[in-house]
Amino acid sequence: MMIHKRIGDLIPGVQGKIFVKGLLGILVSGTYIVQAIFLGKIIGALYSGTNLKKMGYDLLIIISMLLTRIFLVWCSNVYGKRIVGKVKNQLRKRAYKKLLDLGPGYMTVNRTGVLESTIVAGIDYLEGYLTLYIPQIMVCIFGSGAMLLYIFHVHYILGIIALVAFLVALFSPVFFVSVISKFT
């Protein structure tokens, strides 16, 4: 799935809210990163046999990241439902106004089931696109970038390997779509 060029025309005034939902997703990704860092510290402390009190502090941070993530996911879901409600309301008002502009003669020529499907189901399909797909693009870009920076900080060779894997994962769907489209 790609970002459609007309999506900005369909959702006036909501772009900033979708951006905020993406930021919530980035914060959720941040909790995973912090949790992984402190889990690594705990595992390192277990192997080196260091102070258990320090491990308790790290464990407390892991638990707090888990609770923070639960709260952020809940906020993201609630916020996403509000965004979708606003967009659906705007689009249904636009569709109703368009039907009124077309007049009753349009209804006699065209099938009402097709119109109903377009207005109801077509608008409902935007929910996943607006609240999951578009914000997730932002999360993937920034979350992956942050993880790559951390991996480069830990060890540059691992960072290079992770960067190559990231680029392969990013561009392989484009390559496979072009290859598969030649055979269909």
C-alpha atoms as a PDB file:
ATOM      1  CA  MET A   1       0.000   0.000   0.000  1.00  0.00           C
ATOM      2  CA  MET A   2       1.264   3.446  -0.798  1.00  0.00           C
ATOM      3  CA  ILE A   3       0.352   6.947   0.353  1.00  0.00           C
ATOM      4  CA  HIS A   4      -2.212   8.271  -2.067  1.00  0.00           C
ATOM      5  CA  LYS A   5      -1.584  11.763  -3.410  1.00  0.00           C
ATOM      6  CA  ARG A   6      -5.163  12.950  -2.789  1.00  0.00           C
ATOM      7  CA  ILE A   7      -5.291  11.943   0.868  1.00  0.00           C
ATOM      8  CA  GLY A   8      -4.383  15.488   1.907  1.00  0.00           C
ATOM      9  CA  ASP A   9      -7.442  16.799   0.046  1.00  0.00           C
ATOM     10  CA  LEU A  10      -9.710  14.320   1.783  1.00  0.00           C
ATOM     11  CA  ILE A  11      -8.620  15.129   5.326  1.00  0.00           C
ATOM     12  CA  PRO A  12      -8.277  18.897   5.681  1.00  0.00           C
ATOM     13  CA  GLY A  13      -7.405  19.983   9.199  1.00  0.00           C
ATOM     14  CA  VAL A  14      -6.517  16.480  10.384  1.00  0.00           C
ATOM     15  CA  GLN A  15      -2.942  16.186   9.108  1.00  0.00           C
ATOM     16  CA  GLY A  16      -1.550  17.579  12.364  1.00  0.00           C
ATOM     17  CA  LYS A  17      -3.573  15.097  14.399  1.00  0.00           C
ATOM     18  CA  ILE A  18      -2.273  12.218  12.314  1.00  0.00           C
ATOM     19  CA  PHE A  19       1.237  13.563  12.924  1.00  0.00           C
ATOM     20  CA  VAL A  20       0.550  13.558  16.710  1.00  0.00           C
ATOM     21  CA  LYS A  21      -0.639   9.950  16.454  1.00  0.00           C
ATOM     22  CA  GLY A  22       2.626   9.147  14.699  1.00  0.00           C
ATOM     23  CA  LEU A  23       4.517  10.819  17.549  1.00  0.00           C
ATOM     24  CA  LEU A  24       2.646   8.631  20.037  1.00  0.00           C
ATOM     25  CA  GLY A  25       3.782   5.623  18.023  1.00  0.00           C
ATOM     26  CA  ILE A  26       7.368   6.885  18.125  1.00  0.00           C
ATOM     27  CA  LEU A  27       7.124   7.205  21.912  1.00  0.00           C
ATOM     28  CA  VAL A  28       5.872   3.615  22.075  1.00  0.00           C
ATOM     29  CA  SER A  29       8.891   2.552  20.013  1.00  0.00           C
ATOM     30  CA  GLY A  30      11.089   4.558  22.381  1.00  0.00           C
ATOM     31  CA  THR A  31       9.821   2.520  25.322  1.00  0.00           C
ATOM     32  CA  TYR A  32      10.864  -0.652  23.492  1.00  0.00           C
ATOM     33  CA  ILE A  33      14.336   0.780  22.896  1.00  0.00           C
ATOM     34  CA  VAL A  34      14.799   1.869  26.518  1.00  0.00           C
ATOM     35  CA  GLN A  35      13.478  -1.492  27.706  1.00  0.00           C
ATOM     36  CA  ALA A  36      15.965  -3.331  25.470  1.00  0.00           C
ATOM     37  CA  ILE A  37      18.866  -1.204  26.707  1.00  0.00           C
ATOM     38  CA  PHE A  38      18.121  -1.886  30.360  1.00  0.00           C
ATOM     39  CA  LEU A  39      17.413  -5.558  29.718  1.00  0.00           C
ATOM     40  CA  GLY A  40      20.859  -5.738  28.134  1.00  0.00           C
ATOM     41  CA  LYS A  41      22.320  -4.105  31.248  1.00  0.00           C
ATOM     42  CA  ILE A  42      20.605  -6.678  33.459  1.00  0.00           C
ATOM     43  CA  ILE A  43      21.893  -9.570  31.356  1.00  0.00           C
ATOM     44  CA  GLY A  44      25.393  -8.056  31.385  1.00  0.00           C
ATOM     45  CA  ALA A  45      25.203  -7.646  35.165  1.00  0.00           C
ATOM     46  CA  LEU A  46      24.120 -11.269  35.574  1.00  0.00           C
ATOM     47  CA  TYR A  47      27.109 -12.480  33.583  1.00  0.00           C
ATOM     48  CA  SER A  48      29.564 -10.246  35.387  1.00  0.00           C
ATOM     49  CA  GLY A  49      28.101 -10.917  38.838  1.00  0.00           C
ATOM     50  CA  THR A  50      27.775  -7.252  39.839  1.00  0.00           C
ATOM     51  CA  ASN A  51      25.583  -5.637  42.448  1.00  0.00           C
ATOM     52  CA  LEU A  52      21.993  -6.896  42.648  1.00  0.00           C
ATOM     53  CA  LYS A  53      20.818  -3.472  43.865  1.00  0.00           C
ATOM     54  CA  LYS A  54      21.794  -1.973  40.501  1.00  0.00           C
ATOM     55  CA  MET A  55      19.855  -4.709  38.733  1.00  0.00           C
ATOM     56  CA  GLY A  56      16.775  -3.838  40.810  1.00  0.00           C
ATOM     57  CA  TYR A  57      16.951  -0.246  39.548  1.00  0.00           C
ATOM     58  CA  ASP A  58      17.221  -1.469  35.955  1.00  0.00           C
ATOM     59  CA  LEU A  59      14.297  -3.844  36.501  1.00  0.00           C
ATOM     60  CA  LEU A  60      12.242  -0.951  37.881  1.00  0.00           C
ATOM     61  CA  ILE A  61      12.957   1.035  34.706  1.00  0.00           C
ATOM     62  CA  ILE A  62      11.883  -1.927  32.553  1.00  0.00           C
ATOM     63  CA  ILE A  63       8.600  -2.215  34.454  1.00  0.00           C
ATOM     64  CA  SER A  64       8.014   1.538  34.183  1.00  0.00           C
ATOM     65  CA  MET A  65       8.624   1.357  30.418  1.00  0.00           C
ATOM     66  CA  LEU A  66       6.086  -1.457  30.165  1.00  0.00           C
ATOM     67  CA  LEU A  67       3.461   0.561  32.067  1.00  0.00           C
ATOM     68  CA  THR A  68       4.263   3.681  30.045  1.00  0.00           C
ATOM     69  CA  ARG A  69       3.884   1.709  26.818  1.00  0.00           C
ATOM     70  CA  ILE A  70       0.488   0.375  27.899  1.00  0.00           C
ATOM     71  CA  PHE A  71      -0.684   3.921  28.629  1.00  0.00           C
ATOM     72  CA  LEU A  72       0.703   5.307  25.358  1.00  0.00           C
ATOM     73  CA  VAL A  73      -0.912   2.538  23.298  1.00  0.00           C
ATOM     74  CA  TRP A  74      -4.241   3.243  24.984  1.00  0.00           C
ATOM     75  CA  CYS A  75      -3.869   6.990  24.292  1.00  0.00           C
ATOM     76  CA  SER A  76      -2.938   6.268  20.672  1.00  0.00           C
ATOM     77  CA  ASN A  77      -6.000   4.057  20.163  1.00  0.00           C
ATOM     78  CA  VAL A  78      -8.390   6.580  21.710  1.00  0.00           C
ATOM     79  CA  TYR A  79      -6.825   9.448  19.784  1.00  0.00           C
ATOM     80  CA  GLY A  80      -6.992   7.436  16.552  1.00  0.00           C
ATOM     81  CA  LYS A  81     -10.707   6.789  17.025  1.00  0.00           C
ATOM     82  CA  ARG A  82     -11.294  10.514  17.482  1.00  0.00           C
ATOM     83  CA  ILE A  83      -9.366  11.298  14.305  1.00  0.00           C
ATOM     84  CA  VAL A  84     -11.314   8.735  12.307  1.00  0.00           C
ATOM     85  CA  GLY A  85     -14.629   9.967  13.692  1.00  0.00           C
ATOM     86  CA  LYS A  86     -13.837  13.499  12.593  1.00  0.00           C
ATOM     87  CA  VAL A  87     -12.658  12.440   9.132  1.00  0.00           C
ATOM     88  CA  LYS A  88     -15.642  10.150   8.567  1.00  0.00           C
ATOM     89  CA  ASN A  89     -18.007  12.921   9.590  1.00  0.00           C
ATOM     90  CA  GLN A  90     -16.340  15.395   7.201  1.00  0.00           C
ATOM     91  CA  LEU A  91     -16.341  12.952   4.286  1.00  0.00           C
ATOM     92  CA  ARG A  92     -19.948  11.876   4.817  1.00  0.00           C
ATOM     93  CA  LYS A  93     -21.040  15.523   4.876  1.00  0.00           C
ATOM     94  CA  ARG A  94     -19.146  16.113   1.631  1.00  0.00           C
ATOM     95  CA  ALA A  95     -20.698  13.019   0.031  1.00  0.00           C
ATOM     96  CA  TYR A  96     -24.198  14.058   1.136  1.00  0.00           C
ATOM     97  CA  LYS A  97     -23.675  17.565  -0.239  1.00  0.00           C
ATOM     98  CA  LYS A  98     -22.442  16.079  -3.520  1.00  0.00           C
ATOM     99  CA  LEU A  99     -25.530  13.855  -3.742  1.00  0.00           C
ATOM    100  CA  LEU A 100     -27.753  16.884  -3.183  1.00  0.00           C
ATOM    101  CA  ASP A 101     -25.875  18.760  -5.901  1.00  0.00           C
ATOM    102  CA  LEU A 102     -26.301  15.850  -8.323  1.00  0.00           C
ATOM    103  CA  GLY A 103     -30.062  15.865  -7.822  1.00  0.00           C
ATOM    104  CA  PRO A 104     -32.726  13.163  -8.042  1.00  0.00           C
ATOM    105  CA  GLY A 105     -32.069  12.527 -11.737  1.00  0.00           C
ATOM    106  CA  TYR A 106     -28.692  11.038 -10.865  1.00  0.00           C
ATOM    107  CA  MET A 107     -30.351   8.497  -8.568  1.00  0.00           C
ATOM    108  CA  THR A 108     -32.637   7.260 -11.319  1.00  0.00           C
ATOM    109  CA  VAL A 109     -29.727   6.558 -13.668  1.00  0.00           C
ATOM    110  CA  ASN A 110     -27.239   5.042 -11.170  1.00  0.00           C
ATOM    111  CA  ARG A 111     -27.657   2.151  -8.792  1.00  0.00           C
ATOM    112  CA  THR A 112     -28.235   3.218  -5.208  1.00  0.00           C
ATOM    113  CA  GLY A 113     -26.407   0.158  -3.853  1.00  0.00           C
ATOM    114  CA  VAL A 114     -23.189   1.291  -5.499  1.00  0.00           C
ATOM    115  CA  LEU A 115     -23.628   4.780  -4.080  1.00  0.00           C
ATOM    116  CA  GLU A 116     -24.363   3.415  -0.620  1.00  0.00           C
ATOM    117  CA  SER A 117     -21.327   1.161  -0.776  1.00  0.00           C
ATOM    118  CA  THR A 118     -19.111   4.045  -1.815  1.00  0.00           C
ATOM    119  CA  ILE A 119     -20.407   6.391   0.860  1.00  0.00           C
ATOM    120  CA  VAL A 120     -20.561   3.956   3.772  1.00  0.00           C
ATOM    121  CA  ALA A 121     -17.995   1.230   3.142  1.00  0.00           C
ATOM    122  CA  GLY A 122     -15.552   3.382   1.196  1.00  0.00           C
ATOM    123  CA  ILE A 123     -15.343   5.906   3.995  1.00  0.00           C
ATOM    124  CA  ASP A 124     -15.064   3.148   6.617  1.00  0.00           C
ATOM    125  CA  TYR A 125     -12.053   1.706   4.798  1.00  0.00           C
ATOM    126  CA  LEU A 126     -10.145   4.896   5.551  1.00  0.00           C
ATOM    127  CA  GLU A 127     -10.018   4.046   9.258  1.00  0.00           C
ATOM    128  CA  GLY A 128      -7.115   1.634   9.033  1.00  0.00           C
ATOM    129  CA  TYR A 129      -5.364   3.767   6.464  1.00  0.00           C
ATOM    130  CA  LEU A 130      -5.504   6.969   8.510  1.00  0.00           C
ATOM    131  CA  THR A 131      -5.012   5.631  12.029  1.00  0.00           C
ATOM    132  CA  LEU A 132      -2.692   2.706  11.423  1.00  0.00           C
ATOM    133  CA  TYR A 133      -0.883   2.892   8.100  1.00  0.00           C
ATOM    134  CA  ILE A 134       0.100   6.555   7.761  1.00  0.00           C
ATOM    135  CA  PRO A 135       1.262   7.033  11.388  1.00  0.00           C
ATOM    136  CA  GLN A 136       3.104   3.695  11.219  1.00  0.00           C
ATOM    137  CA  ILE A 137       5.215   4.968   8.322  1.00  0.00           C
ATOM    138  CA  MET A 138       6.484   7.731  10.586  1.00  0.00           C
ATOM    139  CA  VAL A 139       7.088   5.251  13.415  1.00  0.00           C
ATOM    140  CA  CYS A 140       9.046   2.932  11.126  1.00  0.00           C
ATOM    141  CA  ILE A 141      11.271   5.679   9.797  1.00  0.00           C
ATOM    142  CA  PHE A 142      12.090   7.324  13.128  1.00  0.00           C
ATOM    143  CA  GLY A 143      12.055   4.136  15.211  1.00  0.00           C
ATOM    144  CA  SER A 144      14.351   2.307  12.823  1.00  0.00           C
ATOM    145  CA  GLY A 145      16.614   5.345  12.625  1.00  0.00           C
ATOM    146  CA  ALA A 146      16.905   5.544  16.404  1.00  0.00           C
ATOM    147  CA  MET A 147      17.655   1.829  16.666  1.00  0.00           C
ATOM    148  CA  LEU A 148      20.278   2.082  13.933  1.00  0.00           C
ATOM    149  CA  LEU A 149      21.955   4.987  15.708  1.00  0.00           C
ATOM    150  CA  TYR A 150      22.066   3.014  18.934  1.00  0.00           C
ATOM    151  CA  ILE A 151      23.466  -0.061  17.185  1.00  0.00           C
ATOM    152  CA  PHE A 152      26.154   2.100  15.532  1.00  0.00           C
ATOM    153  CA  HIS A 153      26.937   3.497  18.987  1.00  0.00           C
ATOM    154  CA  VAL A 154      27.352  -0.011  20.415  1.00  0.00           C
ATOM    155  CA  HIS A 155      29.396  -1.429  17.522  1.00  0.00           C
ATOM    156  CA  TYR A 156      29.921   0.065  14.083  1.00  0.00           C
ATOM    157  CA  ILE A 157      30.172  -3.263  12.216  1.00  0.00           C
ATOM    158  CA  LEU A 158      26.837  -4.378  13.675  1.00  0.00           C
ATOM    159  CA  GLY A 159      25.484  -0.990  12.668  1.00  0.00           C
ATOM    160  CA  ILE A 160      26.588  -1.492   9.075  1.00  0.00           C
ATOM    161  CA  ILE A 161      25.015  -4.955   8.993  1.00  0.00           C
ATOM    162  CA  ALA A 162      21.770  -3.569  10.464  1.00  0.00           C
ATOM    163  CA  LEU A 163      21.777  -0.680   7.980  1.00  0.00           C
ATOM    164  CA  VAL A 164      22.198  -3.067   5.032  1.00  0.00           C
ATOM    165  CA  ALA A 165      19.384  -5.271   6.386  1.00  0.00           C
ATOM    166  CA  PHE A 166      17.182  -2.182   6.833  1.00  0.00           C
ATOM    167  CA  LEU A 167      17.812  -1.027   3.262  1.00  0.00           C
ATOM    168  CA  VAL A 168      17.143  -4.514   1.868  1.00  0.00           C
ATOM    169  CA  ALA A 169      13.871  -4.701   3.821  1.00  0.00           C
ATOM    170  CA  LEU A 170      12.932  -1.218   2.653  1.00  0.00           C
ATOM    171  CA  PHE A 171      13.605  -1.653  -1.056  1.00  0.00           C
ATOM    172  CA  SER A 172      12.955  -5.363  -1.653  1.00  0.00           C
ATOM    173  CA  PRO A 173       9.149  -4.955  -1.932  1.00  0.00           C
ATOM    174  CA  VAL A 174       9.629  -2.376  -4.695  1.00  0.00           C
ATOM    175  CA  PHE A 175      11.985  -4.745  -6.516  1.00  0.00           C
ATOM    176  CA  PHE A 176       9.690  -7.769  -6.161  1.00  0.00           C
ATOM    177  CA  VAL A 177       6.621  -5.837  -7.325  1.00  0.00           C
ATOM    178  CA  SER A 178       8.424  -4.851 -10.514  1.00  0.00           C
ATOM    179  CA  VAL A 179       9.643  -8.425 -11.087  1.00  0.00           C
ATOM    180  CA  ILE A 180       6.248 -10.002 -10.379  1.00  0.00           C
ATOM    181  CA  SER A 181       4.402  -7.457 -12.529  1.00  0.00           C
ATOM    182  CA  LYS A 182       6.418  -8.624 -15.558  1.00  0.00           C
ATOM    183  CA  PHE A 183       4.941 -12.137 -15.209  1.00  0.00           C
ATOM    184  CA  THR A 184       1.327 -11.096 -14.716  1.00  0.00           C
END
